[in-house]
Structure formats: structure tokens, C-alpha cells
Amino acid sequence: MREKNSGSALSPLPESLVLGLPVHCSNNYSGWLLSRLEAEVGTHIVTLNAEMVIQGEKNHVLANIIRQAELVVPDGAGVVLYLKFKGKSVQRCPGIELAESLLWQVSKQNPDNLVFFYGGKPGVAMKAAESWQDKVPELAIACQHGYLSPAEEKELLHTLAQLQPRLIFVGLGVPRQELWIAEHKYICPQAIWIGIGGSFDIWAGIKERAPAWFRNNSLEWLYRLYQEPWRWRRMLSLPKFAWKTLMEIKF
């Protein structure tokens, strides 16, 4: 395990390794991010879980993107347990909760900061944006679904370049959203970019997040499997991650 000195809010956060991939440790990720937002420092956030760690072993492009991200948070219970086995006490930081915290805090500190939702099926990002604007009317949110032709995507990039939103939430699924952010973040160099998976579906009311009991007992993955049985193949990464963790701890 390696660590960096923490320093100011604009300095790199302390870092630990999970099977070779970094995780940044903090008890106030949103505060650190808001400081970067105020300083107009661009940030790519990766929400790391066991599935992404296993994908990174085969997908070297994804692994390099994770290593280069300014912030990697422990999204998955497996990542948190791994770090605890290594003697590092960290709290799980689900990406959806970090995204929600940023939206609430930005609405209080500087509601003029434009937010952009990109991803999901047609209509979903719009419903998610409407839901947030009902709760926080002062938030300015633009949106675009994720089913675009090459010409439509080119138009989206032109729109982002013109609008220069400060918070950009990308819901294209792993690893596509991470690859897309890494390729295009230069367009809005002062923005905070975060891949949020299926969060738009939850905000739009199409799906429900796991009840608190499942979340508090590291079983949110099981509830998601119940909602989406087709995910079972992807869930095979969980025992692989657990086996690699046990082997590393044993030796």
C-alpha cells in the first residue's frame, strides 16, 4: 500500500492500492471537489468497485484511465473490504450519493453553475433532470440521452464546448462511460466529470435503489441482481475479486 500526503483541497488526496489500482481516501470528497470547482480545476471521478477492478485486469486502457483519474472513490463494498483487510479504514462512497451531494451543494453555493446529464435511454435523462429541478428549482440542468448517431454525438460535443457546464454526469455504463470521459474531457477542462452508471434511472423513478438494509450490509449488488437478472454474468467478477483478495492476503 502506498499513500500520498494530503495537503490542501487542491492537492492529491491520500491514495491506497486495490489489486494495483488506486483509491483515494477522504472523509469529505464533496468538499474537496467543490474547492476544485471554485478554483476551476478539472476533475475526472471514477467510482471503483470490484467489477471494474477485474475489468481493468483485462482492459489496460480502462486501467490506465483509472490510474490517471484525479479522484477514485471506493464505490463498491468489495473495494472497502479489501482496504480494511489491508488495515486501511475507509467508508464506502457510492457514486450516486456523491453525485447527489454535489448537486445539493452546488445549488446552495453557486446555482449558476450549469449541470449536464448525458446517457440513458431516450427520455430518461430528461425525467431525471426534471426530478432534480422539482426538488431544487434553482439548478440549471441540460441533458441528452445516450443513444446517439455519430452525427448527433458530434453535435453533443459542440454543445458541451459552447455551454461549458461545470458538472457533467455521464451514464453510459462501465467501461464505456469512463472511456468516453477520458476521450472528451478536454472539451470542458474546468468541469467535474463523473460516470454514474444507472443513476439516471433511479432519479427518473424508473428503478429503485436498494433499501437501506441491503446498502448497510454490503448487499446492494444482490438487490441489483434481483432487479436485473441479466447482470448475472457480470456478477461473476465478484467471486474472482474475492479469490484474488484472499490470495493476496494469504501470501
C-alpha atoms as a PDB file:
ATOM      1  CA  MET A   1       0.000   0.000   0.000  1.00  0.00           C
ATOM      2  CA  ARG A   2       1.200   3.498  -0.794  1.00  0.00           C
ATOM      3  CA  GLU A   3      -0.018   6.882   0.295  1.00  0.00           C
ATOM      4  CA  LYS A   4       0.453  10.495  -0.698  1.00  0.00           C
ATOM      5  CA  ASN A   5       0.412  13.396   1.695  1.00  0.00           C
ATOM      6  CA  SER A   6      -2.973  15.097   1.786  1.00  0.00           C
ATOM      7  CA  GLY A   7      -2.198  18.874   1.916  1.00  0.00           C
ATOM      8  CA  SER A   8      -4.753  21.408   0.672  1.00  0.00           C
ATOM      9  CA  ALA A   9      -8.058  20.699  -1.030  1.00  0.00           C
ATOM     10  CA  LEU A  10      -6.374  21.184  -4.411  1.00  0.00           C
ATOM     11  CA  SER A  11      -3.584  18.731  -3.603  1.00  0.00           C
ATOM     12  CA  PRO A  12      -3.887  14.994  -4.377  1.00  0.00           C
ATOM     13  CA  LEU A  13      -5.725  13.007  -1.718  1.00  0.00           C
ATOM     14  CA  PRO A  14      -4.078  10.104   0.154  1.00  0.00           C
ATOM     15  CA  GLU A  15      -4.004   7.056  -2.090  1.00  0.00           C
ATOM     16  CA  SER A  16      -4.106   3.297  -1.481  1.00  0.00           C
ATOM     17  CA  LEU A  17      -3.931   0.428  -3.969  1.00  0.00           C
ATOM     18  CA  VAL A  18      -6.573  -2.227  -4.640  1.00  0.00           C
ATOM     19  CA  LEU A  19      -5.070  -5.023  -6.750  1.00  0.00           C
ATOM     20  CA  GLY A  20      -2.873  -2.428  -8.431  1.00  0.00           C
ATOM     21  CA  LEU A  21      -5.498   0.276  -8.936  1.00  0.00           C
ATOM     22  CA  PRO A  22      -5.624   3.484  -6.872  1.00  0.00           C
ATOM     23  CA  VAL A  23      -8.338   4.527  -4.429  1.00  0.00           C
ATOM     24  CA  HIS A  24      -8.264   7.982  -2.866  1.00  0.00           C
ATOM     25  CA  CYS A  25      -9.177   8.197   0.795  1.00  0.00           C
ATOM     26  CA  SER A  26     -11.095  11.079   2.358  1.00  0.00           C
ATOM     27  CA  ASN A  27     -13.952  11.766   4.750  1.00  0.00           C
ATOM     28  CA  ASN A  28     -15.088  14.750   2.654  1.00  0.00           C
ATOM     29  CA  TYR A  29     -14.918  14.024  -1.069  1.00  0.00           C
ATOM     30  CA  SER A  30     -17.603  16.571  -1.964  1.00  0.00           C
ATOM     31  CA  GLY A  31     -15.817  19.361  -0.066  1.00  0.00           C
ATOM     32  CA  TRP A  32     -12.565  18.605  -1.903  1.00  0.00           C
ATOM     33  CA  LEU A  33     -14.420  18.597  -5.214  1.00  0.00           C
ATOM     34  CA  LEU A  34     -16.217  21.868  -4.523  1.00  0.00           C
ATOM     35  CA  SER A  35     -12.864  23.503  -3.799  1.00  0.00           C
ATOM     36  CA  ARG A  36     -11.608  22.307  -7.181  1.00  0.00           C
ATOM     37  CA  LEU A  37     -14.804  23.548  -8.807  1.00  0.00           C
ATOM     38  CA  GLU A  38     -14.305  27.015  -7.314  1.00  0.00           C
ATOM     39  CA  ALA A  39     -10.668  27.006  -8.431  1.00  0.00           C
ATOM     40  CA  GLU A  40     -11.757  25.933 -11.948  1.00  0.00           C
ATOM     41  CA  VAL A  41      -9.620  22.785 -11.837  1.00  0.00           C
ATOM     42  CA  GLY A  42     -10.935  19.934 -13.979  1.00  0.00           C
ATOM     43  CA  THR A  43     -11.552  16.573 -12.307  1.00  0.00           C
ATOM     44  CA  HIS A  44     -12.386  13.092 -13.572  1.00  0.00           C
ATOM     45  CA  ILE A  45     -14.070  10.969 -10.894  1.00  0.00           C
ATOM     46  CA  VAL A  46     -14.064   7.164 -11.117  1.00  0.00           C
ATOM     47  CA  THR A  47     -16.363   5.189  -8.811  1.00  0.00           C
ATOM     48  CA  LEU A  48     -14.393   1.986  -8.296  1.00  0.00           C
ATOM     49  CA  ASN A  49     -15.988  -1.369  -7.494  1.00  0.00           C
ATOM     50  CA  ALA A  50     -14.896  -4.995  -7.698  1.00  0.00           C
ATOM     51  CA  GLU A  51     -16.323  -5.484 -11.185  1.00  0.00           C
ATOM     52  CA  MET A  52     -14.319  -2.543 -12.524  1.00  0.00           C
ATOM     53  CA  VAL A  53     -11.128  -3.814 -10.859  1.00  0.00           C
ATOM     54  CA  ILE A  54     -11.499  -7.186 -12.605  1.00  0.00           C
ATOM     55  CA  GLN A  55     -12.313  -5.480 -15.922  1.00  0.00           C
ATOM     56  CA  GLY A  56      -9.172  -3.380 -15.505  1.00  0.00           C
ATOM     57  CA  GLU A  57      -7.012  -6.518 -15.400  1.00  0.00           C
ATOM     58  CA  LYS A  58      -8.039  -7.356 -18.974  1.00  0.00           C
ATOM     59  CA  ASN A  59      -8.710  -3.854 -20.285  1.00  0.00           C
ATOM     60  CA  HIS A  60      -5.432  -1.986 -19.958  1.00  0.00           C
ATOM     61  CA  VAL A  61      -6.904   1.190 -21.441  1.00  0.00           C
ATOM     62  CA  LEU A  62      -9.517   1.241 -18.659  1.00  0.00           C
ATOM     63  CA  ALA A  63      -6.857   0.526 -16.016  1.00  0.00           C
ATOM     64  CA  ASN A  64      -4.736   3.448 -17.246  1.00  0.00           C
ATOM     65  CA  ILE A  65      -7.763   5.767 -17.187  1.00  0.00           C
ATOM     66  CA  ILE A  66      -8.434   4.787 -13.571  1.00  0.00           C
ATOM     67  CA  ARG A  67      -4.795   5.426 -12.658  1.00  0.00           C
ATOM     68  CA  GLN A  68      -4.877   8.851 -14.299  1.00  0.00           C
ATOM     69  CA  ALA A  69      -8.185   9.993 -12.778  1.00  0.00           C
ATOM     70  CA  GLU A  70      -7.911  12.853 -10.291  1.00  0.00           C
ATOM     71  CA  LEU A  71     -10.344  11.115  -7.924  1.00  0.00           C
ATOM     72  CA  VAL A  72     -11.111   7.407  -7.491  1.00  0.00           C
ATOM     73  CA  VAL A  73     -13.668   6.724  -4.756  1.00  0.00           C
ATOM     74  CA  PRO A  74     -14.441   3.354  -3.089  1.00  0.00           C
ATOM     75  CA  ASP A  75     -17.886   2.778  -4.570  1.00  0.00           C
ATOM     76  CA  GLY A  76     -18.110  -0.990  -4.070  1.00  0.00           C
ATOM     77  CA  ALA A  77     -18.313  -2.947  -0.828  1.00  0.00           C
ATOM     78  CA  GLY A  78     -15.598  -5.305  -2.085  1.00  0.00           C
ATOM     79  CA  VAL A  79     -13.152  -2.437  -2.503  1.00  0.00           C
ATOM     80  CA  VAL A  80     -13.879  -1.224   1.034  1.00  0.00           C
ATOM     81  CA  LEU A  81     -13.445  -4.723   2.498  1.00  0.00           C
ATOM     82  CA  TYR A  82     -10.169  -5.178   0.608  1.00  0.00           C
ATOM     83  CA  LEU A  83      -8.789  -1.971   2.098  1.00  0.00           C
ATOM     84  CA  LYS A  84      -9.960  -2.958   5.580  1.00  0.00           C
ATOM     85  CA  PHE A  85      -8.182  -6.310   5.225  1.00  0.00           C
ATOM     86  CA  LYS A  86      -5.082  -4.266   4.413  1.00  0.00           C
ATOM     87  CA  GLY A  87      -5.525  -2.220   7.579  1.00  0.00           C
ATOM     88  CA  LYS A  88      -6.973   0.880   5.909  1.00  0.00           C
ATOM     89  CA  SER A  89     -10.207   2.151   7.438  1.00  0.00           C
ATOM     90  CA  VAL A  90     -12.370   3.766   4.727  1.00  0.00           C
ATOM     91  CA  GLN A  91     -16.048   4.399   4.265  1.00  0.00           C
ATOM     92  CA  ARG A  92     -17.897   3.319   1.145  1.00  0.00           C
ATOM     93  CA  CYS A  93     -18.737   6.229  -1.155  1.00  0.00           C
ATOM     94  CA  PRO A  94     -21.454   5.184  -3.652  1.00  0.00           C
ATOM     95  CA  GLY A  95     -21.239   7.224  -6.822  1.00  0.00           C
ATOM     96  CA  ILE A  96     -24.933   8.088  -6.748  1.00  0.00           C
ATOM     97  CA  GLU A  97     -24.588   9.558  -3.252  1.00  0.00           C
ATOM     98  CA  LEU A  98     -21.524  11.591  -4.208  1.00  0.00           C
ATOM     99  CA  ALA A  99     -23.351  12.901  -7.289  1.00  0.00           C
ATOM    100  CA  GLU A 100     -26.393  13.841  -5.195  1.00  0.00           C
ATOM    101  CA  SER A 101     -24.212  15.581  -2.625  1.00  0.00           C
ATOM    102  CA  LEU A 102     -22.572  17.638  -5.372  1.00  0.00           C
ATOM    103  CA  LEU A 103     -25.942  18.654  -6.815  1.00  0.00           C
ATOM    104  CA  TRP A 104     -27.269  19.774  -3.431  1.00  0.00           C
ATOM    105  CA  GLN A 105     -24.136  21.681  -2.509  1.00  0.00           C
ATOM    106  CA  VAL A 106     -23.713  23.363  -5.881  1.00  0.00           C
ATOM    107  CA  SER A 107     -27.324  24.515  -5.724  1.00  0.00           C
ATOM    108  CA  LYS A 108     -26.563  26.233  -2.398  1.00  0.00           C
ATOM    109  CA  GLN A 109     -23.123  27.674  -3.173  1.00  0.00           C
ATOM    110  CA  ASN A 110     -23.386  28.654  -6.832  1.00  0.00           C
ATOM    111  CA  PRO A 111     -26.596  27.665  -8.631  1.00  0.00           C
ATOM    112  CA  ASP A 112     -25.346  29.464 -11.754  1.00  0.00           C
ATOM    113  CA  ASN A 113     -23.049  26.503 -12.436  1.00  0.00           C
ATOM    114  CA  LEU A 114     -24.626  24.566 -15.294  1.00  0.00           C
ATOM    115  CA  VAL A 115     -25.086  20.806 -14.843  1.00  0.00           C
ATOM    116  CA  PHE A 116     -25.217  18.386 -17.781  1.00  0.00           C
ATOM    117  CA  PHE A 117     -26.780  14.898 -17.766  1.00  0.00           C
ATOM    118  CA  TYR A 118     -25.659  12.604 -20.600  1.00  0.00           C
ATOM    119  CA  GLY A 119     -26.722   8.994 -21.011  1.00  0.00           C
ATOM    120  CA  GLY A 120     -29.577   6.574 -20.532  1.00  0.00           C
ATOM    121  CA  LYS A 121     -32.423   5.704 -22.871  1.00  0.00           C
ATOM    122  CA  PRO A 122     -34.340   8.485 -24.625  1.00  0.00           C
ATOM    123  CA  GLY A 123     -36.346  10.496 -22.118  1.00  0.00           C
ATOM    124  CA  VAL A 124     -34.633   9.133 -19.001  1.00  0.00           C
ATOM    125  CA  ALA A 125     -32.048  11.890 -18.519  1.00  0.00           C
ATOM    126  CA  MET A 126     -34.797  14.466 -19.080  1.00  0.00           C
ATOM    127  CA  LYS A 127     -37.007  12.877 -16.406  1.00  0.00           C
ATOM    128  CA  ALA A 128     -34.022  12.744 -14.048  1.00  0.00           C
ATOM    129  CA  ALA A 129     -33.324  16.437 -14.687  1.00  0.00           C
ATOM    130  CA  GLU A 130     -36.986  17.347 -14.140  1.00  0.00           C
ATOM    131  CA  SER A 131     -36.998  15.407 -10.869  1.00  0.00           C
ATOM    132  CA  TRP A 132     -33.994  17.343  -9.597  1.00  0.00           C
ATOM    133  CA  GLN A 133     -35.354  20.673 -10.738  1.00  0.00           C
ATOM    134  CA  ASP A 134     -38.605  19.953  -8.902  1.00  0.00           C
ATOM    135  CA  LYS A 135     -36.570  19.490  -5.717  1.00  0.00           C
ATOM    136  CA  VAL A 136     -34.069  22.257  -6.422  1.00  0.00           C
ATOM    137  CA  PRO A 137     -35.672  24.789  -8.817  1.00  0.00           C
ATOM    138  CA  GLU A 138     -32.556  26.966  -8.935  1.00  0.00           C
ATOM    139  CA  LEU A 139     -30.475  24.192 -10.526  1.00  0.00           C
ATOM    140  CA  ALA A 140     -29.799  24.680 -14.238  1.00  0.00           C
ATOM    141  CA  ILE A 141     -29.617  21.248 -15.900  1.00  0.00           C
ATOM    142  CA  ALA A 142     -29.218  20.448 -19.590  1.00  0.00           C
ATOM    143  CA  CYS A 143     -29.458  16.847 -20.776  1.00  0.00           C
ATOM    144  CA  GLN A 144     -29.022  14.428 -23.659  1.00  0.00           C
ATOM    145  CA  HIS A 145     -29.844  10.722 -23.906  1.00  0.00           C
ATOM    146  CA  GLY A 146     -27.115   8.228 -24.707  1.00  0.00           C
ATOM    147  CA  TYR A 147     -28.457   6.700 -27.933  1.00  0.00           C
ATOM    148  CA  LEU A 148     -26.810   8.988 -30.468  1.00  0.00           C
ATOM    149  CA  SER A 149     -25.672   8.558 -34.038  1.00  0.00           C
ATOM    150  CA  PRO A 150     -22.108   9.680 -34.855  1.00  0.00           C
ATOM    151  CA  ALA A 151     -23.506  12.946 -36.237  1.00  0.00           C
ATOM    152  CA  GLU A 152     -25.621  13.504 -33.121  1.00  0.00           C
ATOM    153  CA  GLU A 153     -22.660  12.805 -30.859  1.00  0.00           C
ATOM    154  CA  LYS A 154     -20.597  15.339 -32.793  1.00  0.00           C
ATOM    155  CA  GLU A 155     -23.384  17.864 -32.184  1.00  0.00           C
ATOM    156  CA  LEU A 156     -23.377  16.968 -28.472  1.00  0.00           C
ATOM    157  CA  LEU A 157     -19.645  17.678 -28.251  1.00  0.00           C
ATOM    158  CA  HIS A 158     -20.184  21.029 -29.951  1.00  0.00           C
ATOM    159  CA  THR A 159     -22.931  21.835 -27.435  1.00  0.00           C
ATOM    160  CA  LEU A 160     -20.678  20.956 -24.493  1.00  0.00           C
ATOM    161  CA  ALA A 161     -17.917  23.150 -25.903  1.00  0.00           C
ATOM    162  CA  GLN A 162     -20.352  26.063 -26.149  1.00  0.00           C
ATOM    163  CA  LEU A 163     -22.121  25.617 -22.801  1.00  0.00           C
ATOM    164  CA  GLN A 164     -19.051  24.690 -20.713  1.00  0.00           C
ATOM    165  CA  PRO A 165     -21.075  23.014 -17.921  1.00  0.00           C
ATOM    166  CA  ARG A 166     -19.259  22.698 -14.610  1.00  0.00           C
ATOM    167  CA  LEU A 167     -20.724  19.328 -13.542  1.00  0.00           C
ATOM    168  CA  ILE A 168     -21.058  16.613 -16.197  1.00  0.00           C
ATOM    169  CA  PHE A 169     -22.715  13.323 -15.214  1.00  0.00           C
ATOM    170  CA  VAL A 170     -22.254  10.506 -17.746  1.00  0.00           C
ATOM    171  CA  GLY A 171     -24.468   7.431 -17.506  1.00  0.00           C
ATOM    172  CA  LEU A 172     -23.258   5.079 -20.231  1.00  0.00           C
ATOM    173  CA  GLY A 173     -22.312   2.080 -18.086  1.00  0.00           C
ATOM    174  CA  VAL A 174     -18.880   0.673 -17.277  1.00  0.00           C
ATOM    175  CA  PRO A 175     -16.436   0.846 -19.015  1.00  0.00           C
ATOM    176  CA  ARG A 176     -17.976   2.912 -21.814  1.00  0.00           C
ATOM    177  CA  GLN A 177     -18.582   5.978 -19.643  1.00  0.00           C
ATOM    178  CA  GLU A 178     -15.009   6.016 -18.327  1.00  0.00           C
ATOM    179  CA  LEU A 179     -13.583   5.681 -21.838  1.00  0.00           C
ATOM    180  CA  TRP A 180     -15.911   8.409 -23.140  1.00  0.00           C
ATOM    181  CA  ILE A 181     -14.981  10.849 -20.380  1.00  0.00           C
ATOM    182  CA  ALA A 182     -11.260  10.249 -20.830  1.00  0.00           C
ATOM    183  CA  GLU A 183     -11.562  10.890 -24.568  1.00  0.00           C
ATOM    184  CA  HIS A 184     -13.647  14.060 -24.321  1.00  0.00           C
ATOM    185  CA  LYS A 185     -12.872  15.788 -21.026  1.00  0.00           C
ATOM    186  CA  TYR A 186     -10.552  18.223 -22.817  1.00  0.00           C
ATOM    187  CA  ILE A 187     -13.687  19.891 -24.229  1.00  0.00           C
ATOM    188  CA  CYS A 188     -14.671  21.204 -20.773  1.00  0.00           C
ATOM    189  CA  PRO A 189     -11.317  21.376 -18.974  1.00  0.00           C
ATOM    190  CA  GLN A 190     -12.694  23.127 -15.868  1.00  0.00           C
ATOM    191  CA  ALA A 191     -15.543  20.690 -15.290  1.00  0.00           C
ATOM    192  CA  ILE A 192     -16.071  17.852 -12.831  1.00  0.00           C
ATOM    193  CA  TRP A 193     -16.830  14.680 -14.836  1.00  0.00           C
ATOM    194  CA  ILE A 194     -18.270  11.573 -13.179  1.00  0.00           C
ATOM    195  CA  GLY A 195     -19.543   8.273 -14.556  1.00  0.00           C
ATOM    196  CA  ILE A 196     -22.749   7.411 -12.707  1.00  0.00           C
ATOM    197  CA  GLY A 197     -23.943   4.190 -14.330  1.00  0.00           C
ATOM    198  CA  GLY A 198     -27.697   3.727 -13.886  1.00  0.00           C
ATOM    199  CA  SER A 199     -28.303   6.680 -11.552  1.00  0.00           C
ATOM    200  CA  PHE A 200     -30.476   8.461 -14.128  1.00  0.00           C
ATOM    201  CA  ASP A 201     -32.928   5.522 -13.999  1.00  0.00           C
ATOM    202  CA  ILE A 202     -33.211   5.909 -10.237  1.00  0.00           C
ATOM    203  CA  TRP A 203     -33.593   9.693 -10.321  1.00  0.00           C
ATOM    204  CA  ALA A 204     -36.189   9.353 -13.087  1.00  0.00           C
ATOM    205  CA  GLY A 205     -38.208   6.906 -10.967  1.00  0.00           C
ATOM    206  CA  ILE A 206     -37.790   4.032 -13.425  1.00  0.00           C
ATOM    207  CA  LYS A 207     -35.854   1.887 -10.950  1.00  0.00           C
ATOM    208  CA  GLU A 208     -35.478   1.869  -7.188  1.00  0.00           C
ATOM    209  CA  ARG A 209     -32.246   1.901  -5.279  1.00  0.00           C
ATOM    210  CA  ALA A 210     -31.667  -0.946  -2.828  1.00  0.00           C
ATOM    211  CA  PRO A 211     -33.289  -0.426   0.587  1.00  0.00           C
ATOM    212  CA  ALA A 212     -31.034   0.820   3.393  1.00  0.00           C
ATOM    213  CA  TRP A 213     -30.659  -2.664   4.938  1.00  0.00           C
ATOM    214  CA  PHE A 214     -29.073  -4.021   1.754  1.00  0.00           C
ATOM    215  CA  ARG A 215     -26.810  -0.970   1.412  1.00  0.00           C
ATOM    216  CA  ASN A 216     -25.727  -1.090   5.060  1.00  0.00           C
ATOM    217  CA  ASN A 217     -24.891  -4.793   4.868  1.00  0.00           C
ATOM    218  CA  SER A 218     -22.838  -4.659   1.653  1.00  0.00           C
ATOM    219  CA  LEU A 219     -25.593  -6.378  -0.359  1.00  0.00           C
ATOM    220  CA  GLU A 220     -26.624  -3.653  -2.786  1.00  0.00           C
ATOM    221  CA  TRP A 221     -25.196  -5.803  -5.584  1.00  0.00           C
ATOM    222  CA  LEU A 222     -27.664  -8.576  -4.669  1.00  0.00           C
ATOM    223  CA  TYR A 223     -30.637  -6.225  -4.909  1.00  0.00           C
ATOM    224  CA  ARG A 224     -29.434  -5.016  -8.297  1.00  0.00           C
ATOM    225  CA  LEU A 225     -29.178  -8.635  -9.453  1.00  0.00           C
ATOM    226  CA  TYR A 226     -32.764  -9.162  -8.279  1.00  0.00           C
ATOM    227  CA  GLN A 227     -33.878  -6.143 -10.314  1.00  0.00           C
ATOM    228  CA  GLU A 228     -31.750  -7.016 -13.333  1.00  0.00           C
ATOM    229  CA  PRO A 229     -31.208 -10.818 -13.532  1.00  0.00           C
ATOM    230  CA  TRP A 230     -29.378 -10.399 -16.842  1.00  0.00           C
ATOM    231  CA  ARG A 231     -26.470  -8.982 -14.829  1.00  0.00           C
ATOM    232  CA  TRP A 232     -25.521 -12.444 -13.520  1.00  0.00           C
ATOM    233  CA  ARG A 233     -22.627 -12.824 -15.966  1.00  0.00           C
ATOM    234  CA  ARG A 234     -21.156  -9.517 -14.828  1.00  0.00           C
ATOM    235  CA  MET A 235     -21.524 -10.600 -11.216  1.00  0.00           C
ATOM    236  CA  LEU A 236     -19.064 -13.431 -11.849  1.00  0.00           C
ATOM    237  CA  SER A 237     -16.372 -10.817 -11.321  1.00  0.00           C
ATOM    238  CA  LEU A 238     -17.271 -10.698  -7.598  1.00  0.00           C
ATOM    239  CA  PRO A 239     -16.001 -14.213  -6.691  1.00  0.00           C
ATOM    240  CA  LYS A 240     -12.930 -13.569  -8.873  1.00  0.00           C
ATOM    241  CA  PHE A 241     -12.217 -10.408  -6.923  1.00  0.00           C
ATOM    242  CA  ALA A 242     -12.789 -12.202  -3.597  1.00  0.00           C
ATOM    243  CA  TRP A 243     -10.410 -15.033  -4.595  1.00  0.00           C
ATOM    244  CA  LYS A 244      -7.669 -12.631  -5.671  1.00  0.00           C
ATOM    245  CA  THR A 245      -8.107 -10.707  -2.410  1.00  0.00           C
ATOM    246  CA  LEU A 246      -7.772 -13.864  -0.313  1.00  0.00           C
ATOM    247  CA  MET A 247      -4.693 -14.991  -2.246  1.00  0.00           C
ATOM    248  CA  GLU A 248      -3.019 -11.598  -1.786  1.00  0.00           C
ATOM    249  CA  ILE A 249      -3.777 -11.521   1.937  1.00  0.00           C
ATOM    250  CA  LYS A 250      -2.639 -15.125   2.388  1.00  0.00           C
ATOM    251  CA  PHE A 251       0.705 -14.547   0.712  1.00  0.00           C
END
